[in-house]
């Protein structure tokens, strides 16, 4: 994953050297993140004595044992981000420690970090407040979707792949998919796009079609009530019994991936109805996790070419 850092945020980060999570964040910068400083290296020589001492200590670590990370870049140009499908998807899964002086990135405020919140943003990439790439949760111990809310990160996009997502009575949408979307929108102020890959009918009766128009309006109202913004909602109709009928279930956001062996329809009233055992949460901070998801998005892009599409047909990660 990439991170862009301007001088103002760099100094702010250094000032939090005593924070209990500081060294874990340094380890992220050292081992997990491709660092793009937007200022010249010579600027470090101009820092006040105490700040320069902290900077020197930081760079003693950043320049060693960088793992798979690329070289540190200086004078990096901030990428231009467009919403017309021309921006590389991984730029929406990038961390921005940049000051916003104009409206250029107003639609991406959720991905930018306020000065002073650098450690808060990096630790938000944790799982269960721990610096780990993935964690497995027993579904049998779940009573609701709070585990998703506790591990959600700011996002512009939500992509759901689940062929039986709506193959339950509509009365139980509230405690499953709608509750999941509420949980994902908890730290978010501007979810832009929701894309769902699913079958267009009930799994046991092809004559009963999913009411996508109703679901679209319910989702838009739900997110608007939570965030004050109406998202774009798109449905990709999978084809059962073909290569375009995906079995695995995923929820992908800018910085996290939630994976389940069974559909995300765990609850029916107060009863746990799923036969699945595990819910996996992956942080895309991990280089391997991010690479796998970016490759999987390529697979979804191919699926789109052969499926019927409903809704707004908008995404920062996929093209329609």
Protein backbone atom coordinates (compact mmCIF):
# COMPACT_ATOMS: atom_id res chain seq x y z
CA UNK A 1 0.00 0.00 0.00
CA UNK A 2 1.19 3.53 -0.76
CA UNK A 3 1.30 6.47 1.59
CA UNK A 4 1.77 10.12 0.62
CA UNK A 5 3.16 12.39 3.35
CA UNK A 6 3.64 16.15 3.28
CA UNK A 7 6.04 17.98 5.61
CA UNK A 8 3.28 19.28 7.89
CA UNK A 9 1.93 15.79 8.59
CA UNK A 10 5.45 14.37 8.89
CA UNK A 11 6.29 16.80 11.69
CA UNK A 12 2.93 16.11 13.32
CA UNK A 13 3.65 12.36 13.28
CA UNK A 14 7.09 12.88 14.83
CA UNK A 15 5.54 14.91 17.64
CA UNK A 16 3.67 11.79 18.76
CA UNK A 17 6.79 9.74 19.38
CA UNK A 18 5.62 8.98 22.93
CA UNK A 19 2.29 7.49 21.79
CA UNK A 20 1.91 3.81 22.71
CA UNK A 21 1.19 2.93 19.07
CA UNK A 22 4.01 5.01 17.58
CA UNK A 23 6.49 2.15 17.15
CA UNK A 24 3.90 -0.09 15.52
CA UNK A 25 3.18 2.75 13.08
CA UNK A 26 6.90 3.09 12.40
CA UNK A 27 6.97 -0.64 11.69
CA UNK A 28 4.12 -0.16 9.19
CA UNK A 29 6.10 2.56 7.43
CA UNK A 30 9.18 0.37 7.48
CA UNK A 31 7.72 -2.92 6.31
CA UNK A 32 4.28 -2.44 4.76
CA UNK A 33 4.05 0.95 3.08
CA UNK A 34 5.60 2.45 -0.03
CA UNK A 35 6.47 5.94 1.20
CA UNK A 36 6.07 8.97 -1.06
CA UNK A 37 7.19 12.20 0.58
CA UNK A 38 5.89 15.26 -1.23
CA UNK A 39 8.84 17.42 -0.13
CA UNK A 40 12.59 17.42 -0.74
CA UNK A 41 14.86 15.48 1.60
CA UNK A 42 16.85 18.67 2.23
CA UNK A 43 13.83 20.05 4.10
CA UNK A 44 14.72 17.73 6.99
CA UNK A 45 17.92 19.70 7.57
CA UNK A 46 15.84 22.80 8.30
CA UNK A 47 13.83 21.22 11.12
CA UNK A 48 14.14 22.53 14.65
CA UNK A 49 16.73 20.70 16.71
CA UNK A 50 14.33 18.60 18.77
CA UNK A 51 12.18 17.65 15.76
CA UNK A 52 15.28 16.84 13.69
CA UNK A 53 16.49 14.48 16.43
CA UNK A 54 13.17 12.62 16.23
CA UNK A 55 13.40 12.60 12.45
CA UNK A 56 16.90 11.11 12.56
CA UNK A 57 15.71 8.35 14.89
CA UNK A 58 12.83 7.59 12.57
CA UNK A 59 15.00 7.36 9.48
CA UNK A 60 17.48 5.08 11.17
CA UNK A 61 14.61 2.61 11.23
CA UNK A 62 12.91 3.42 7.92
CA UNK A 63 16.09 2.89 5.90
CA UNK A 64 16.73 -0.63 7.22
CA UNK A 65 14.84 -3.91 6.88
CA UNK A 66 12.26 -2.46 4.54
CA UNK A 67 11.00 -5.90 3.56
CA UNK A 68 9.20 -5.86 0.22
CA UNK A 69 8.65 -2.10 0.27
CA UNK A 70 9.96 0.05 -2.54
CA UNK A 71 12.57 2.73 -2.04
CA UNK A 72 11.50 5.87 -0.24
CA UNK A 73 10.61 8.59 -2.75
CA UNK A 74 11.13 12.33 -2.33
CA UNK A 75 9.45 15.22 -4.11
CA UNK A 76 6.61 12.84 -5.01
CA UNK A 77 3.80 14.33 -7.03
CA UNK A 78 0.39 13.84 -5.49
CA UNK A 79 -1.69 11.65 -7.82
CA UNK A 80 -4.61 13.21 -9.64
CA UNK A 81 -7.75 11.35 -8.67
CA UNK A 82 -10.72 11.32 -11.02
CA UNK A 83 -14.12 9.69 -10.65
CA UNK A 84 -14.54 8.78 -14.31
CA UNK A 85 -12.93 5.35 -14.17
CA UNK A 86 -9.51 6.54 -15.37
CA UNK A 87 -7.84 6.54 -11.94
CA UNK A 88 -5.87 3.42 -10.99
CA UNK A 89 -7.96 1.58 -8.38
CA UNK A 90 -5.15 1.23 -5.86
CA UNK A 91 -5.09 5.02 -5.50
CA UNK A 92 -8.38 4.65 -3.65
CA UNK A 93 -6.61 2.19 -1.31
CA UNK A 94 -3.79 4.64 -0.59
CA UNK A 95 -3.16 6.59 2.62
CA UNK A 96 -2.94 10.37 2.29
CA UNK A 97 -1.17 12.39 4.98
CA UNK A 98 -1.76 15.59 3.02
CA UNK A 99 -3.22 18.98 3.80
CA UNK A 100 -6.28 19.90 1.75
CA UNK A 101 -6.13 23.56 0.74
CA UNK A 102 -8.85 23.48 -1.90
CA UNK A 103 -11.83 21.47 -3.08
CA UNK A 104 -9.84 19.18 -5.38
CA UNK A 105 -10.24 16.22 -3.05
CA UNK A 106 -13.49 17.18 -1.35
CA UNK A 107 -15.08 13.91 -2.47
CA UNK A 108 -12.17 12.00 -0.92
CA UNK A 109 -12.06 13.64 2.49
CA UNK A 110 -12.64 10.25 4.07
CA UNK A 111 -9.28 9.02 2.73
CA UNK A 112 -7.33 12.06 3.91
CA UNK A 113 -5.92 12.43 7.39
CA UNK A 114 -6.26 15.55 9.52
CA UNK A 115 -3.05 16.82 11.06
CA UNK A 116 -2.69 15.19 14.46
CA UNK A 117 -4.65 12.08 13.46
CA UNK A 118 -1.79 10.22 11.75
CA UNK A 119 -1.50 7.48 14.35
CA UNK A 120 -5.26 7.18 14.61
CA UNK A 121 -5.48 6.61 10.85
CA UNK A 122 -2.71 4.03 10.74
CA UNK A 123 -4.02 2.08 13.73
CA UNK A 124 -7.45 2.05 12.05
CA UNK A 125 -5.87 -0.42 9.63
CA UNK A 126 -5.40 -2.81 12.56
CA UNK A 127 -7.72 -5.73 13.18
CA UNK A 128 -9.15 -5.99 16.70
CA UNK A 129 -6.75 -3.18 17.72
CA UNK A 130 -3.80 -5.46 16.96
CA UNK A 131 -1.11 -5.11 14.30
CA UNK A 132 -2.01 -8.29 12.41
CA UNK A 133 -2.86 -8.85 8.72
CA UNK A 134 -5.87 -11.16 9.21
CA UNK A 135 -8.08 -12.61 11.92
CA UNK A 136 -10.58 -15.45 11.98
CA UNK A 137 -13.82 -15.13 13.97
CA UNK A 138 -16.13 -17.94 15.01
CA UNK A 139 -19.59 -17.27 13.62
CA UNK A 140 -21.03 -19.32 16.48
CA UNK A 141 -19.92 -16.60 18.88
CA UNK A 142 -21.61 -13.81 16.93
CA UNK A 143 -24.91 -12.29 17.99
CA UNK A 144 -24.87 -9.39 15.52
CA UNK A 145 -22.54 -7.62 13.07
CA UNK A 146 -20.65 -5.58 15.67
CA UNK A 147 -17.41 -7.36 14.73
CA UNK A 148 -17.63 -5.67 11.33
CA UNK A 149 -18.38 -2.28 12.84
CA UNK A 150 -15.44 -2.61 15.26
CA UNK A 151 -13.08 -3.43 12.40
CA UNK A 152 -14.42 -1.15 9.67
CA UNK A 153 -12.29 1.57 8.09
CA UNK A 154 -13.20 4.73 6.16
CA UNK A 155 -14.23 3.92 2.60
CA UNK A 156 -15.59 5.38 -0.59
CA UNK A 157 -16.62 2.01 -2.02
CA UNK A 158 -18.22 -1.23 -0.88
CA UNK A 159 -18.14 -4.26 -3.20
CA UNK A 160 -20.14 -7.31 -2.13
CA UNK A 161 -19.86 -10.70 -3.83
CA UNK A 162 -22.51 -13.09 -2.50
CA UNK A 163 -24.77 -15.06 -4.84
CA UNK A 164 -27.44 -15.74 -2.19
CA UNK A 165 -27.30 -12.37 -0.44
CA UNK A 166 -30.98 -11.64 -1.06
CA UNK A 167 -32.22 -15.25 -1.15
CA UNK A 168 -33.98 -14.89 2.19
CA UNK A 169 -37.33 -13.39 3.20
CA UNK A 170 -37.19 -9.61 2.87
CA UNK A 171 -38.16 -9.33 6.53
CA UNK A 172 -34.65 -10.48 7.45
CA UNK A 173 -32.77 -7.99 5.25
CA UNK A 174 -32.70 -5.53 8.16
CA UNK A 175 -30.68 -7.78 10.44
CA UNK A 176 -28.34 -8.99 7.72
CA UNK A 177 -27.31 -6.97 4.66
CA UNK A 178 -28.82 -3.68 5.84
CA UNK A 179 -27.21 -4.08 9.26
CA UNK A 180 -23.87 -4.88 7.60
CA UNK A 181 -24.03 -1.71 5.52
CA UNK A 182 -24.88 0.29 8.63
CA UNK A 183 -21.84 -1.21 10.36
CA UNK A 184 -19.55 -0.36 7.44
CA UNK A 185 -20.84 3.22 7.33
CA UNK A 186 -20.14 3.76 11.03
CA UNK A 187 -16.83 5.69 10.58
CA UNK A 188 -17.69 7.00 7.14
CA UNK A 189 -19.15 10.32 5.99
CA UNK A 190 -19.26 9.79 2.25
CA UNK A 191 -19.71 6.27 0.91
CA UNK A 192 -19.96 6.88 -2.82
CA UNK A 193 -20.56 3.50 -4.43
CA UNK A 194 -22.01 0.13 -3.47
CA UNK A 195 -21.74 -2.71 -5.98
CA UNK A 196 -23.36 -6.12 -5.33
CA UNK A 197 -22.65 -9.30 -7.32
CA UNK A 198 -25.54 -11.72 -6.70
CA UNK A 199 -28.11 -14.02 -8.31
CA UNK A 200 -31.31 -12.30 -9.50
CA UNK A 201 -33.68 -14.94 -8.08
CA UNK A 202 -34.18 -17.18 -5.06
CA UNK A 203 -31.81 -20.14 -5.02
CA UNK A 204 -34.64 -22.68 -4.74
CA UNK A 205 -37.14 -21.00 -7.06
CA UNK A 206 -35.98 -19.21 -10.20
CA UNK A 207 -39.49 -17.87 -10.78
CA UNK A 208 -39.19 -15.58 -7.76
CA UNK A 209 -37.10 -12.58 -8.80
CA UNK A 210 -35.18 -10.41 -6.38
CA UNK A 211 -36.80 -6.98 -6.04
CA UNK A 212 -33.71 -4.94 -6.90
CA UNK A 213 -35.61 -1.65 -7.25
CA UNK A 214 -36.92 -1.98 -3.71
CA UNK A 215 -33.49 -2.98 -2.34
CA UNK A 216 -31.78 -0.10 -4.12
CA UNK A 217 -34.10 2.46 -2.60
CA UNK A 218 -33.80 0.92 0.87
CA UNK A 219 -29.98 0.96 0.70
CA UNK A 220 -29.88 4.55 -0.54
CA UNK A 221 -32.19 5.70 2.23
CA UNK A 222 -30.25 3.77 4.86
CA UNK A 223 -26.89 5.26 3.87
CA UNK A 224 -28.39 8.73 3.52
CA UNK A 225 -29.80 8.49 7.03
CA UNK A 226 -26.36 7.48 8.35
CA UNK A 227 -24.12 9.82 6.37
CA UNK A 228 -26.26 12.51 4.76
CA UNK A 229 -25.17 11.29 1.34
CA UNK A 230 -27.03 9.15 -1.19
CA UNK A 231 -24.69 6.52 -2.67
CA UNK A 232 -24.67 4.99 -6.12
CA UNK A 233 -25.98 1.42 -6.00
CA UNK A 234 -25.27 -1.17 -8.70
CA UNK A 235 -26.26 -4.83 -9.03
CA UNK A 236 -24.37 -7.35 -11.18
CA UNK A 237 -26.60 -10.35 -11.89
CA UNK A 238 -24.57 -13.54 -11.62
CA UNK A 239 -25.44 -16.60 -13.72
CA UNK A 240 -25.91 -19.83 -11.78
CA UNK A 241 -23.99 -22.86 -13.03
CA UNK A 242 -21.52 -20.82 -15.10
CA UNK A 243 -18.00 -19.50 -14.42
CA UNK A 244 -19.73 -16.25 -13.50
CA UNK A 245 -21.49 -17.83 -10.52
CA UNK A 246 -18.98 -17.05 -7.74
CA UNK A 247 -19.16 -19.31 -4.69
CA UNK A 248 -16.95 -17.42 -2.25
CA UNK A 249 -18.46 -14.50 -0.38
CA UNK A 250 -16.58 -11.23 0.05
CA UNK A 251 -17.16 -7.68 1.18
CA UNK A 252 -14.38 -5.44 -0.09
CA UNK A 253 -13.78 -1.87 1.01
CA UNK A 254 -10.86 0.51 0.45
CA UNK A 255 -8.77 -0.85 3.32
CA UNK A 256 -10.43 -4.08 4.51
CA UNK A 257 -11.85 -7.34 3.16
CA UNK A 258 -14.44 -9.50 4.95
CA UNK A 259 -14.66 -13.11 3.76
CA UNK A 260 -17.23 -15.78 4.60
CA UNK A 261 -17.70 -19.36 3.45
CA UNK A 262 -21.47 -18.96 3.78
CA UNK A 263 -23.70 -16.10 2.64
CA UNK A 264 -23.82 -12.99 4.80
CA UNK A 265 -27.27 -14.04 6.01
CA UNK A 266 -26.31 -15.28 9.45
CA UNK A 267 -29.35 -14.20 11.42
CA UNK A 268 -33.07 -14.92 11.34
CA UNK A 269 -34.81 -13.27 14.23
CA UNK A 270 -32.77 -14.13 17.30
CA UNK A 271 -31.58 -17.37 15.72
CA UNK A 272 -28.24 -17.99 14.08
CA UNK A 273 -29.25 -19.74 10.85
CA UNK A 274 -25.98 -20.06 8.93
CA UNK A 275 -24.15 -23.36 8.55
CA UNK A 276 -20.85 -21.52 8.15
CA UNK A 277 -18.14 -21.58 10.79
CA UNK A 278 -15.82 -18.65 10.19
CA UNK A 279 -15.78 -14.98 9.27
CA UNK A 280 -12.35 -13.75 8.15
CA UNK A 281 -11.23 -10.13 8.24
CA UNK A 282 -8.19 -9.06 6.23
CA UNK A 283 -6.39 -5.74 6.38
CA UNK A 284 -5.26 -4.51 2.97
CA UNK A 285 -2.33 -2.85 4.70
CA UNK A 286 -0.69 -6.25 4.23
CA UNK A 287 1.02 -6.28 0.84
CA UNK A 288 -0.05 -9.82 0.01
CA UNK A 289 -3.69 -9.19 0.99
CA UNK A 290 -3.82 -6.04 -1.14
CA UNK A 291 -2.28 -7.84 -4.12
CA UNK A 292 -4.80 -10.68 -3.90
CA UNK A 293 -7.75 -8.28 -3.74
CA UNK A 294 -6.49 -6.17 -6.66
CA UNK A 295 -6.13 -9.36 -8.72
CA UNK A 296 -9.62 -10.47 -7.67
CA UNK A 297 -11.04 -7.12 -8.79
CA UNK A 298 -9.63 -7.95 -12.22
CA UNK A 299 -11.67 -11.18 -12.15
CA UNK A 300 -14.79 -9.24 -11.21
CA UNK A 301 -14.14 -6.84 -14.08
CA UNK A 302 -14.20 -9.80 -16.49
CA UNK A 303 -17.44 -11.08 -14.95
CA UNK A 304 -19.10 -7.71 -15.53
CA UNK A 305 -18.58 -8.10 -19.28
CA UNK A 306 -20.92 -11.10 -19.39
CA UNK A 307 -23.61 -10.18 -16.87
CA UNK A 308 -26.67 -7.96 -16.79
CA UNK A 309 -26.16 -4.76 -14.82
CA UNK A 310 -28.80 -2.81 -12.88
CA UNK A 311 -28.60 0.52 -11.12
CA UNK A 312 -26.23 3.47 -11.28
CA UNK A 313 -23.19 1.63 -12.73
CA UNK A 314 -20.68 3.61 -10.71
CA UNK A 315 -17.53 2.44 -8.94
CA UNK A 316 -14.03 3.69 -8.24
CA UNK A 317 -12.69 0.14 -8.58
CA UNK A 318 -14.72 -1.31 -11.45
CA UNK A 319 -15.85 -0.07 -14.85
CA UNK A 320 -19.29 -0.59 -16.36
